Amino acid sequence: MQPLDRRRFLSATSAAFGALALANCGSGGSSGASGGGAAGGGTVPGPSPTPAPIGYGALQPDAAGLLDLPAGFSYRVLSRVGDTMSDALRVPDNFDGMGCFALPGGKLALVRNHELSPGADGGGALPAGYDATSAGTVLPGGTTTLVLDAATLAVERQFRSLTGTIRNCAGGVTPWGTWLTCEEDTTPPGSVQRDHGYVFEVPAAASGAVSAVPLKAMGRFRHEAAVVDPASGAVYLTEDQGDGLLYRFLPASPGNLAAGGRLQALAMPAGATTDARNWTSQDFTAGQWHAVRWVDLTDPESPADDLRQRGLAQGALRFARGEGIHMGVGELYFISTSGGQAQLGQVWRLSLAAGAERLQLFYESRDAREFFYGDNVTIAPDGQLLICEDQPTSPLDNHVRGLTRTGQPFTLARLRLQTELAGACFSPDGKVLFLNAYSPGRTFAITGPWQHL
């Protein structure tokens, strides 16, 4: 494995989040000037400040009927379900979370999750993996890796990089060049042979399927996404449950997650609310900051699958389906898919200042036309949040929604297929947004004027 350069990682993240740090700063007032220009004297208003741009412009219909984008943006399809890969297997379906990595020699690696359950088509007969059914069939969930030419985006190789897991939903990149792929399933032995509900690590530089080792100290629960704080090595984890928790894993050896560590859950100060969902009362108002603490969780392997219940009993804060999470410098953002009084979704911001950690409800949707069931999240090079929708409606009408640095919603893309969007991530140079359509699976590469702000 060729690890990513730590300074380059920090520099890229800092650039993306430097502008976003202004999220709660309002624009200045109008300037005024005294003078005799108006009859009888008085104050003549000065020019109004130019408002900050919102989004990237109106969507243009896609002649191919796949993905509508603003003027100046374009896409290409890099990979489709059923394509024959370099290892002679076929690309499996259910494209979900994804991470992008720089490789030596001007190459990029996309490590892509496949949210497949036992019995689904894994793209062919899988020779080995973490687990199998009771009948001995290797489970189809896991990851594929695409190796691209960074300059042309040509796909040079595709192959299975992890097999034998269940419903690999989202995950997260690490500063040392690996992808954390997370199982959103806690199936116990019976129909399968081993416990599930774990995080696995896939090196971006792997050239084939890796040995699937569950990182059990990071907890057994319905994992969604993960992110690493490069300053401390701590890993933050979301849980896709209606009363899910936000977890923090403190590794015994930062950068070596297999060496174990301590698992915690986010909580408010004693006596404060334990419910962040705003379903029955407005306990959180957008923009306000709240002090937080962490409670230790024992027995993270959770054979009874009761980790969140034990956390809630200790005062941990419940969220409505924690999903996408993204790291900045000293803060992170994460999505609560069905949170809010309208149950359309929330975006949370957690400041990680040592000894003074604080939680903010950054945005709560009240209009399905602006934001409806956010899922995977990333940040554009100009500092705007980009969030994939996973609406529960029929027919589906999913978008990539954005939030400006002041929390104003806009639309970046509209998927014309009857499926969800997932896997949004940028190339290390910030020029390309990679994006998945879930099923039938497609991986897009989107280019355009990302630096317009």
Protein backbone atom coordinates (compact mmCIF):
# COMPACT_ATOMS: atom_id res chain seq x y z
CA MET A 1 0.00 0.00 0.00
CA GLN A 2 1.25 3.48 -0.88
CA PRO A 3 -0.16 5.78 1.84
CA LEU A 4 -1.39 9.24 0.96
CA ASP A 5 0.86 12.10 1.92
CA ARG A 6 -0.52 13.43 5.21
CA ARG A 7 0.31 17.06 4.46
CA ARG A 8 -1.42 16.88 1.07
CA PHE A 9 -4.49 15.36 2.75
CA LEU A 10 -4.66 18.11 5.36
CA SER A 11 -4.05 20.83 2.78
CA ALA A 12 -6.86 19.61 0.54
CA THR A 13 -9.34 19.30 3.38
CA SER A 14 -8.36 22.67 4.77
CA ALA A 15 -8.93 24.35 1.43
CA ALA A 16 -12.39 22.87 1.09
CA PHE A 17 -13.44 23.79 4.60
CA GLY A 18 -11.74 27.15 4.92
CA ALA A 19 -14.65 28.87 3.23
CA LEU A 20 -17.23 26.66 4.92
CA ALA A 21 -15.99 27.85 8.31
CA LEU A 22 -17.85 31.09 7.54
CA ALA A 23 -21.16 29.22 7.63
CA ASN A 24 -22.76 31.38 10.31
CA CYS A 25 -21.28 34.74 9.28
CA GLY A 26 -23.87 37.08 7.83
CA SER A 27 -23.02 39.61 5.14
CA GLY A 28 -22.29 43.16 6.21
CA GLY A 29 -24.88 45.90 6.13
CA SER A 30 -25.21 48.49 3.38
CA SER A 31 -22.83 51.37 3.52
CA GLY A 32 -24.26 54.87 3.64
CA ALA A 33 -23.01 58.33 2.75
CA SER A 34 -24.15 61.78 3.93
CA GLY A 35 -24.42 64.47 1.34
CA GLY A 36 -26.56 66.95 -0.49
CA GLY A 37 -27.47 64.80 -3.41
CA ALA A 38 -31.04 64.40 -2.23
CA ALA A 39 -33.37 67.36 -1.87
CA GLY A 40 -33.19 68.83 1.61
CA GLY A 41 -30.04 66.84 2.45
CA GLY A 42 -30.37 63.52 4.27
CA THR A 43 -28.66 60.15 3.76
CA VAL A 44 -28.21 58.65 0.34
CA PRO A 45 -27.99 54.83 0.49
CA GLY A 46 -24.81 53.37 -0.85
CA PRO A 47 -24.72 50.40 -3.23
CA SER A 48 -26.09 47.14 -1.88
CA PRO A 49 -23.51 44.40 -1.40
CA THR A 50 -23.44 41.74 -4.10
CA PRO A 51 -25.10 38.62 -2.72
CA ALA A 52 -23.05 35.45 -2.66
CA PRO A 53 -23.91 33.03 -5.47
CA ILE A 54 -26.24 30.20 -4.59
CA GLY A 55 -25.35 26.91 -6.19
CA TYR A 56 -24.12 26.52 -9.74
CA GLY A 57 -27.13 27.60 -11.79
CA ALA A 58 -30.33 26.12 -13.20
CA LEU A 59 -30.35 22.48 -14.29
CA GLN A 60 -30.27 21.69 -18.00
CA PRO A 61 -32.18 18.63 -19.27
CA ASP A 62 -29.89 15.73 -20.18
CA ALA A 63 -30.54 14.52 -23.73
CA ALA A 64 -29.48 11.02 -22.65
CA GLY A 65 -32.09 11.00 -19.87
CA LEU A 66 -29.68 10.15 -17.07
CA LEU A 67 -28.42 13.15 -15.12
CA ASP A 68 -29.46 16.80 -15.37
CA LEU A 69 -26.68 19.28 -14.49
CA PRO A 70 -26.15 23.06 -14.63
CA ALA A 71 -24.73 24.73 -17.74
CA GLY A 72 -20.98 24.23 -17.98
CA PHE A 73 -21.07 20.82 -16.30
CA SER A 74 -20.82 17.46 -18.01
CA TYR A 75 -20.57 13.81 -17.05
CA ARG A 76 -19.37 10.49 -18.38
CA VAL A 77 -20.31 6.97 -17.24
CA LEU A 78 -17.21 5.12 -16.00
CA SER A 79 -18.70 1.82 -14.89
CA ARG A 80 -21.99 -0.07 -15.12
CA VAL A 81 -23.47 -3.09 -13.38
CA GLY A 82 -22.68 -6.19 -15.42
CA ASP A 83 -19.44 -4.90 -16.95
CA THR A 84 -16.76 -7.58 -17.11
CA MET A 85 -13.93 -6.74 -14.73
CA SER A 86 -10.19 -7.45 -14.86
CA ASP A 87 -10.62 -10.46 -12.52
CA ALA A 88 -13.22 -11.99 -14.91
CA LEU A 89 -16.07 -11.27 -12.47
CA ARG A 90 -18.91 -8.93 -13.38
CA VAL A 91 -19.53 -5.59 -11.68
CA PRO A 92 -22.18 -6.32 -9.02
CA ASP A 93 -25.15 -4.03 -8.44
CA ASN A 94 -26.26 -1.71 -5.61
CA PHE A 95 -23.53 0.93 -5.89
CA ASP A 96 -23.35 2.87 -2.61
CA GLY A 97 -20.64 4.75 -0.67
CA MET A 98 -17.33 5.42 -2.41
CA GLY A 99 -13.95 7.05 -1.82
CA CYS A 100 -11.32 8.46 -4.18
CA PHE A 101 -7.55 8.16 -3.66
CA ALA A 102 -4.40 9.30 -5.44
CA LEU A 103 -2.10 6.45 -6.52
CA PRO A 104 1.49 6.66 -7.77
CA GLY A 105 2.10 7.21 -11.46
CA GLY A 106 -0.78 9.60 -12.11
CA LYS A 107 -3.52 7.13 -11.23
CA LEU A 108 -6.67 7.34 -9.14
CA ALA A 109 -8.44 4.60 -7.23
CA LEU A 110 -12.18 4.58 -6.60
CA VAL A 111 -13.13 2.09 -3.89
CA ARG A 112 -16.87 1.47 -4.18
CA ASN A 113 -19.31 -0.27 -1.83
CA HIS A 114 -21.96 -2.76 -2.95
CA GLU A 115 -24.92 -2.99 -0.59
CA LEU A 116 -25.80 -6.61 -1.29
CA SER A 117 -27.64 -9.07 0.94
CA PRO A 118 -27.23 -12.87 1.01
CA GLY A 119 -28.70 -14.40 -2.13
CA ALA A 120 -28.01 -11.39 -4.36
CA ASP A 121 -25.90 -11.70 -7.49
CA GLY A 122 -22.31 -10.95 -6.53
CA GLY A 123 -21.08 -10.79 -10.11
CA GLY A 124 -20.10 -14.42 -10.40
CA ALA A 125 -18.80 -17.26 -8.25
CA LEU A 126 -16.74 -15.64 -5.49
CA PRO A 127 -13.86 -17.93 -4.45
CA ALA A 128 -13.45 -16.68 -0.87
CA GLY A 129 -14.48 -13.94 1.53
CA TYR A 130 -15.19 -12.97 5.11
CA ASP A 131 -18.30 -15.15 5.40
CA ALA A 132 -20.62 -17.49 3.57
CA THR A 133 -24.15 -18.77 3.85
CA SER A 134 -24.84 -21.92 5.85
CA ALA A 135 -24.71 -23.73 2.50
CA GLY A 136 -21.20 -22.42 1.83
CA THR A 137 -21.88 -19.71 -0.77
CA VAL A 138 -19.62 -16.67 -0.27
CA LEU A 139 -21.70 -13.63 0.61
CA PRO A 140 -21.94 -11.04 -2.19
CA GLY A 141 -21.47 -7.80 -0.23
CA GLY A 142 -18.19 -5.93 -0.30
CA THR A 143 -16.26 -3.52 -2.49
CA THR A 144 -14.90 -3.13 -6.00
CA THR A 145 -11.95 -0.94 -6.94
CA LEU A 146 -11.60 1.06 -10.15
CA VAL A 147 -8.14 2.25 -11.21
CA LEU A 148 -8.30 5.33 -13.44
CA ASP A 149 -5.86 7.45 -15.38
CA ALA A 150 -6.04 10.74 -13.47
CA ALA A 151 -5.64 12.85 -16.61
CA THR A 152 -8.11 11.12 -18.94
CA LEU A 153 -10.34 9.30 -16.40
CA ALA A 154 -10.02 6.16 -18.52
CA VAL A 155 -10.76 3.02 -16.49
CA GLU A 156 -7.66 0.83 -16.60
CA ARG A 157 -8.77 -1.92 -14.22
CA GLN A 158 -11.81 -2.96 -12.16
CA PHE A 159 -11.77 -5.79 -9.64
CA ARG A 160 -13.27 -7.14 -6.44
CA SER A 161 -11.35 -5.78 -3.46
CA LEU A 162 -13.50 -7.16 -0.58
CA THR A 163 -16.03 -10.01 -0.48
CA GLY A 164 -18.12 -11.99 1.98
CA THR A 165 -19.90 -9.17 3.81
CA ILE A 166 -23.51 -7.95 4.00
CA ARG A 167 -24.97 -4.61 2.87
CA ASN A 168 -21.84 -2.48 2.66
CA CYS A 169 -23.56 0.88 2.75
CA ALA A 170 -21.21 3.80 3.24
CA GLY A 171 -17.82 4.25 4.88
CA GLY A 172 -15.01 6.76 4.70
CA VAL A 173 -11.47 7.46 3.55
CA THR A 174 -8.52 7.49 5.94
CA PRO A 175 -5.47 9.80 5.84
CA TRP A 176 -3.26 6.72 5.39
CA GLY A 177 -4.86 5.65 2.11
CA THR A 178 -7.51 3.09 3.00
CA TRP A 179 -11.28 2.87 2.66
CA LEU A 180 -13.38 1.97 5.70
CA THR A 181 -16.34 -0.03 4.39
CA CYS A 182 -19.25 -0.41 6.80
CA GLU A 183 -21.88 -3.13 7.12
CA GLU A 184 -25.41 -1.82 7.66
CA ASP A 185 -26.59 -5.19 8.93
CA THR A 186 -26.24 -7.18 12.15
CA THR A 187 -27.19 -10.66 10.96
CA PRO A 188 -26.01 -13.28 13.50
CA PRO A 189 -24.89 -16.82 12.69
CA GLY A 190 -27.65 -19.10 11.42
CA SER A 191 -28.38 -18.41 7.78
CA VAL A 192 -24.75 -17.20 7.67
CA GLN A 193 -21.71 -18.51 9.54
CA ARG A 194 -20.35 -15.43 11.33
CA ASP A 195 -21.56 -12.25 13.06
CA HIS A 196 -22.05 -9.12 10.97
CA GLY A 197 -22.31 -5.41 11.67
CA TYR A 198 -18.64 -4.44 11.44
CA VAL A 199 -16.21 -2.06 9.74
CA PHE A 200 -13.55 -3.47 7.37
CA GLU A 201 -10.49 -1.73 5.94
CA VAL A 202 -9.55 -1.86 2.25
CA PRO A 203 -6.20 -0.40 1.07
CA ALA A 204 -6.74 1.84 -1.94
CA ALA A 205 -3.55 0.46 -3.50
CA ALA A 206 -4.68 -3.19 -3.27
CA SER A 207 -4.39 -5.04 -6.58
CA GLY A 208 -7.01 -7.66 -5.79
CA ALA A 209 -9.30 -8.96 -3.07
CA VAL A 210 -7.91 -8.32 0.41
CA SER A 211 -8.32 -10.41 3.53
CA ALA A 212 -11.52 -9.23 5.24
CA VAL A 213 -10.74 -8.53 8.88
CA PRO A 214 -13.58 -7.10 11.01
CA LEU A 215 -12.53 -4.16 13.21
CA LYS A 216 -14.59 -5.39 16.14
CA ALA A 217 -13.50 -2.74 18.65
CA MET A 218 -15.24 -0.15 16.44
CA GLY A 219 -18.58 -1.65 17.42
CA ARG A 220 -21.15 -4.04 16.06
CA PHE A 221 -24.23 -2.13 14.92
CA ARG A 222 -25.94 -0.93 11.73
CA HIS A 223 -23.00 1.11 10.52
CA GLU A 224 -23.50 3.77 7.91
CA ALA A 225 -20.49 6.06 7.42
CA ALA A 226 -17.13 6.81 9.02
CA VAL A 227 -14.64 9.65 9.03
CA VAL A 228 -11.17 10.08 10.55
CA ASP A 229 -10.01 13.22 12.31
CA PRO A 230 -6.44 13.53 10.94
CA ALA A 231 -5.43 15.68 13.91
CA SER A 232 -6.21 13.03 16.54
CA GLY A 233 -6.75 9.77 14.65
CA ALA A 234 -10.23 9.42 16.18
CA VAL A 235 -12.90 7.84 13.96
CA TYR A 236 -16.47 9.15 14.00
CA LEU A 237 -19.23 6.71 13.01
CA THR A 238 -22.92 7.11 12.15
CA GLU A 239 -25.71 4.58 12.74
CA ASP A 240 -28.69 4.14 10.42
CA GLN A 241 -31.45 3.64 12.99
CA GLY A 242 -34.41 5.81 13.91
CA ASP A 243 -32.82 6.20 17.34
CA GLY A 244 -29.20 5.81 16.26
CA LEU A 245 -26.16 7.26 17.98
CA LEU A 246 -23.08 9.15 16.86
CA TYR A 247 -20.04 7.12 17.90
CA ARG A 248 -16.39 8.00 18.42
CA PHE A 249 -13.61 5.41 18.29
CA LEU A 250 -10.37 6.36 20.04
CA PRO A 251 -7.70 4.01 18.64
CA ALA A 252 -5.02 2.69 20.96
CA SER A 253 -2.56 3.38 18.16
CA PRO A 254 -3.71 6.15 15.76
CA GLY A 255 -3.56 4.89 12.20
CA ASN A 256 -3.65 1.25 13.29
CA LEU A 257 -7.34 0.55 13.81
CA ALA A 258 -6.81 -3.20 14.14
CA ALA A 259 -4.90 -2.58 17.39
CA GLY A 260 -8.16 -1.82 19.20
CA GLY A 261 -9.28 1.18 21.18
CA ARG A 262 -12.16 2.73 23.07
CA LEU A 263 -15.71 3.30 21.76
CA GLN A 264 -17.88 6.21 22.92
CA ALA A 265 -21.23 7.83 22.09
CA LEU A 266 -22.11 11.53 21.88
CA ALA A 267 -24.26 12.95 24.68
CA MET A 268 -25.47 16.31 25.96
CA PRO A 269 -24.57 17.51 29.47
CA ALA A 270 -26.39 15.72 32.27
CA GLY A 271 -29.98 16.93 32.56
CA ALA A 272 -30.21 18.15 28.95
CA THR A 273 -32.26 16.54 26.19
CA THR A 274 -31.32 13.12 24.86
CA ASP A 275 -33.28 13.51 21.61
CA ALA A 276 -31.90 15.42 18.61
CA ARG A 277 -34.68 14.44 16.23
CA ASN A 278 -37.02 17.42 16.82
CA TRP A 279 -39.94 15.11 16.04
CA THR A 280 -42.17 16.10 18.94
CA SER A 281 -40.55 19.30 20.17
CA GLN A 282 -38.07 21.85 18.82
CA ASP A 283 -35.18 20.96 21.13
CA PHE A 284 -32.61 22.20 18.61
CA THR A 285 -32.78 25.39 16.55
CA ALA A 286 -30.60 25.86 13.48
CA GLY A 287 -27.51 27.91 14.18
CA GLN A 288 -27.37 27.46 17.96
CA TRP A 289 -24.36 25.77 19.56
CA HIS A 290 -24.64 23.24 22.39
CA ALA A 291 -21.99 21.78 24.69
CA VAL A 292 -21.55 18.00 24.43
CA ARG A 293 -19.76 15.16 26.18
CA TRP A 294 -18.91 11.53 25.40
CA VAL A 295 -19.97 8.41 27.28
CA ASP A 296 -17.89 5.23 27.24
CA LEU A 297 -19.43 2.05 25.83
CA THR A 298 -18.40 -1.37 27.03
CA ASP A 299 -18.59 -4.66 25.13
CA PRO A 300 -18.49 -3.07 21.64
CA GLU A 301 -18.85 -6.46 19.92
CA SER A 302 -22.42 -6.42 21.27
CA PRO A 303 -23.49 -10.07 20.87
CA ALA A 304 -27.05 -9.05 21.85
CA ASP A 305 -27.05 -6.24 19.23
CA ASP A 306 -27.95 -3.77 21.96
CA LEU A 307 -25.13 -1.25 21.72
CA ARG A 308 -27.31 1.77 21.05
CA GLN A 309 -29.82 0.79 23.77
CA ARG A 310 -27.00 0.66 26.29
CA GLY A 311 -25.74 4.02 25.04
CA LEU A 312 -29.19 5.57 25.32
CA ALA A 313 -29.47 4.28 28.89
CA GLN A 314 -26.29 6.23 29.66
CA GLY A 315 -27.74 9.46 28.26
CA ALA A 316 -26.42 9.31 24.68
CA LEU A 317 -28.10 11.58 22.14
CA ARG A 318 -30.42 9.87 19.65
CA PHE A 319 -30.50 10.88 15.98
CA ALA A 320 -33.01 9.98 13.27
CA ARG A 321 -30.99 7.73 10.96
CA GLY A 322 -27.44 9.01 10.95
CA GLU A 323 -25.97 8.60 7.48
CA GLY A 324 -23.30 10.56 5.57
CA ILE A 325 -20.41 12.20 7.45
CA HIS A 326 -17.56 14.42 6.23
CA MET A 327 -14.47 15.75 7.99
CA GLY A 328 -13.06 19.24 7.84
CA VAL A 329 -10.38 20.97 9.90
CA GLY A 330 -11.43 20.83 13.52
CA GLU A 331 -15.06 20.07 12.69
CA LEU A 332 -17.26 17.57 10.88
CA TYR A 333 -20.72 17.47 9.31
CA PHE A 334 -23.15 14.56 9.36
CA ILE A 335 -26.64 13.83 8.06
CA SER A 336 -29.76 12.75 9.94
CA THR A 337 -31.90 11.39 7.11
CA SER A 338 -35.37 11.66 8.68
CA GLY A 339 -34.71 14.18 11.43
CA GLY A 340 -36.63 17.41 11.92
CA GLN A 341 -40.20 18.43 12.62
CA ALA A 342 -41.12 17.72 8.99
CA GLN A 343 -39.01 14.51 9.11
CA LEU A 344 -37.31 15.55 5.86
CA GLY A 345 -33.76 15.61 7.15
CA GLN A 346 -31.18 17.49 9.19
CA VAL A 347 -27.53 18.43 8.76
CA TRP A 348 -25.42 18.57 11.93
CA ARG A 349 -22.09 20.26 12.60
CA LEU A 350 -19.73 19.09 15.36
CA SER A 351 -16.84 21.30 16.43
CA LEU A 352 -13.95 19.25 17.79
CA ALA A 353 -12.09 21.97 19.69
CA ALA A 354 -10.21 20.22 22.49
CA GLY A 355 -12.03 20.57 25.78
CA ALA A 356 -14.82 22.61 24.20
CA GLU A 357 -16.61 20.34 21.75
CA ARG A 358 -19.93 21.74 20.55
CA LEU A 359 -22.84 20.55 18.43
CA GLN A 360 -24.86 22.70 16.03
CA LEU A 361 -27.97 21.95 13.99
CA PHE A 362 -26.65 23.49 10.77
CA TYR A 363 -29.80 22.93 8.66
CA GLU A 364 -33.24 21.38 9.01
CA SER A 365 -35.46 20.88 5.97
CA ARG A 366 -39.06 22.03 5.98
CA ASP A 367 -39.66 21.70 2.24
CA ALA A 368 -39.27 18.44 0.29
CA ARG A 369 -38.61 20.47 -2.86
CA GLU A 370 -35.40 21.80 -1.31
CA PHE A 371 -34.03 18.82 0.64
CA PHE A 372 -35.57 15.40 1.17
CA TYR A 373 -33.82 12.48 2.93
CA GLY A 374 -30.14 13.30 2.60
CA ASP A 375 -27.63 10.44 2.61
CA ASN A 376 -23.98 10.48 1.48
CA VAL A 377 -22.26 13.87 1.78
CA THR A 378 -19.14 15.55 0.45
CA ILE A 379 -17.81 19.09 0.14
CA ALA A 380 -17.10 20.92 -3.12
CA PRO A 381 -13.77 22.73 -3.60
CA ASP A 382 -15.55 26.06 -3.08
CA GLY A 383 -16.77 25.00 0.36
CA GLN A 384 -20.40 24.09 -0.36
CA LEU A 385 -21.90 20.89 1.04
CA LEU A 386 -23.19 18.40 -1.55
CA ILE A 387 -25.63 15.76 -0.33
CA CYS A 388 -27.11 12.76 -2.16
CA GLU A 389 -30.86 12.23 -1.75
CA ASP A 390 -32.48 8.87 -1.05
CA GLN A 391 -36.18 9.70 -1.09
CA PRO A 392 -38.77 7.09 -0.07
CA THR A 393 -41.37 8.32 -2.58
CA SER A 394 -42.80 6.68 -5.67
CA PRO A 395 -41.98 7.67 -8.32
CA LEU A 396 -38.48 8.61 -7.20
CA ASP A 397 -37.09 12.05 -7.93
CA ASN A 398 -33.64 12.14 -6.33
CA HIS A 399 -31.14 14.96 -6.53
CA VAL A 400 -27.75 16.07 -5.36
CA ARG A 401 -28.72 18.91 -3.06
CA GLY A 402 -26.30 21.54 -1.87
CA LEU A 403 -26.04 23.84 1.11
CA THR A 404 -24.16 27.11 0.84
CA ARG A 405 -21.81 28.37 3.52
CA THR A 406 -24.77 30.14 5.11
CA GLY A 407 -27.02 27.06 5.02
CA GLN A 408 -29.09 27.98 1.95
CA PRO A 409 -30.23 24.98 -0.11
CA PHE A 410 -29.73 24.61 -3.86
CA THR A 411 -29.75 21.79 -6.42
CA LEU A 412 -26.66 20.53 -8.25
CA ALA A 413 -28.05 17.52 -10.11
CA ARG A 414 -31.23 15.55 -10.76
CA LEU A 415 -31.15 11.81 -11.44
CA ARG A 416 -33.63 10.74 -14.10
CA LEU A 417 -33.43 7.06 -13.10
CA GLN A 418 -35.72 5.41 -10.55
CA THR A 419 -33.07 4.90 -7.91
CA GLU A 420 -31.07 6.77 -5.28
CA LEU A 421 -27.83 8.72 -5.58
CA ALA A 422 -24.79 7.74 -3.52
CA GLY A 423 -21.02 7.74 -3.25
CA ALA A 424 -20.31 11.42 -3.89
CA CYS A 425 -16.58 12.13 -3.59
CA PHE A 426 -14.06 14.42 -5.26
CA SER A 427 -10.75 13.67 -6.92
CA PRO A 428 -7.81 14.86 -4.81
CA ASP A 429 -7.31 17.89 -7.11
CA GLY A 430 -10.98 18.87 -6.72
CA LYS A 431 -11.68 18.81 -10.47
CA VAL A 432 -13.95 15.75 -10.68
CA LEU A 433 -17.00 14.72 -8.67
CA PHE A 434 -17.54 10.97 -8.73
CA LEU A 435 -21.12 9.84 -8.10
CA ASN A 436 -23.11 6.60 -8.10
CA ALA A 437 -26.61 5.69 -9.22
CA TYR A 438 -27.56 2.83 -6.90
CA SER A 439 -29.45 0.32 -9.10
CA PRO A 440 -29.06 -0.38 -11.94
CA GLY A 441 -25.60 0.71 -10.85
CA ARG A 442 -23.64 3.38 -12.68
CA THR A 443 -20.62 5.42 -11.64
CA PHE A 444 -20.42 8.93 -13.08
CA ALA A 445 -17.51 11.36 -13.36
CA ILE A 446 -18.75 14.98 -13.33
CA THR A 447 -16.62 17.96 -14.34
CA GLY A 448 -17.46 21.65 -14.29
CA PRO A 449 -16.68 25.06 -12.78
CA TRP A 450 -16.36 23.89 -9.15
CA GLN A 451 -14.26 26.92 -8.18
CA HIS A 452 -16.82 29.50 -9.30
CA LEU A 453 -17.00 31.07 -5.83
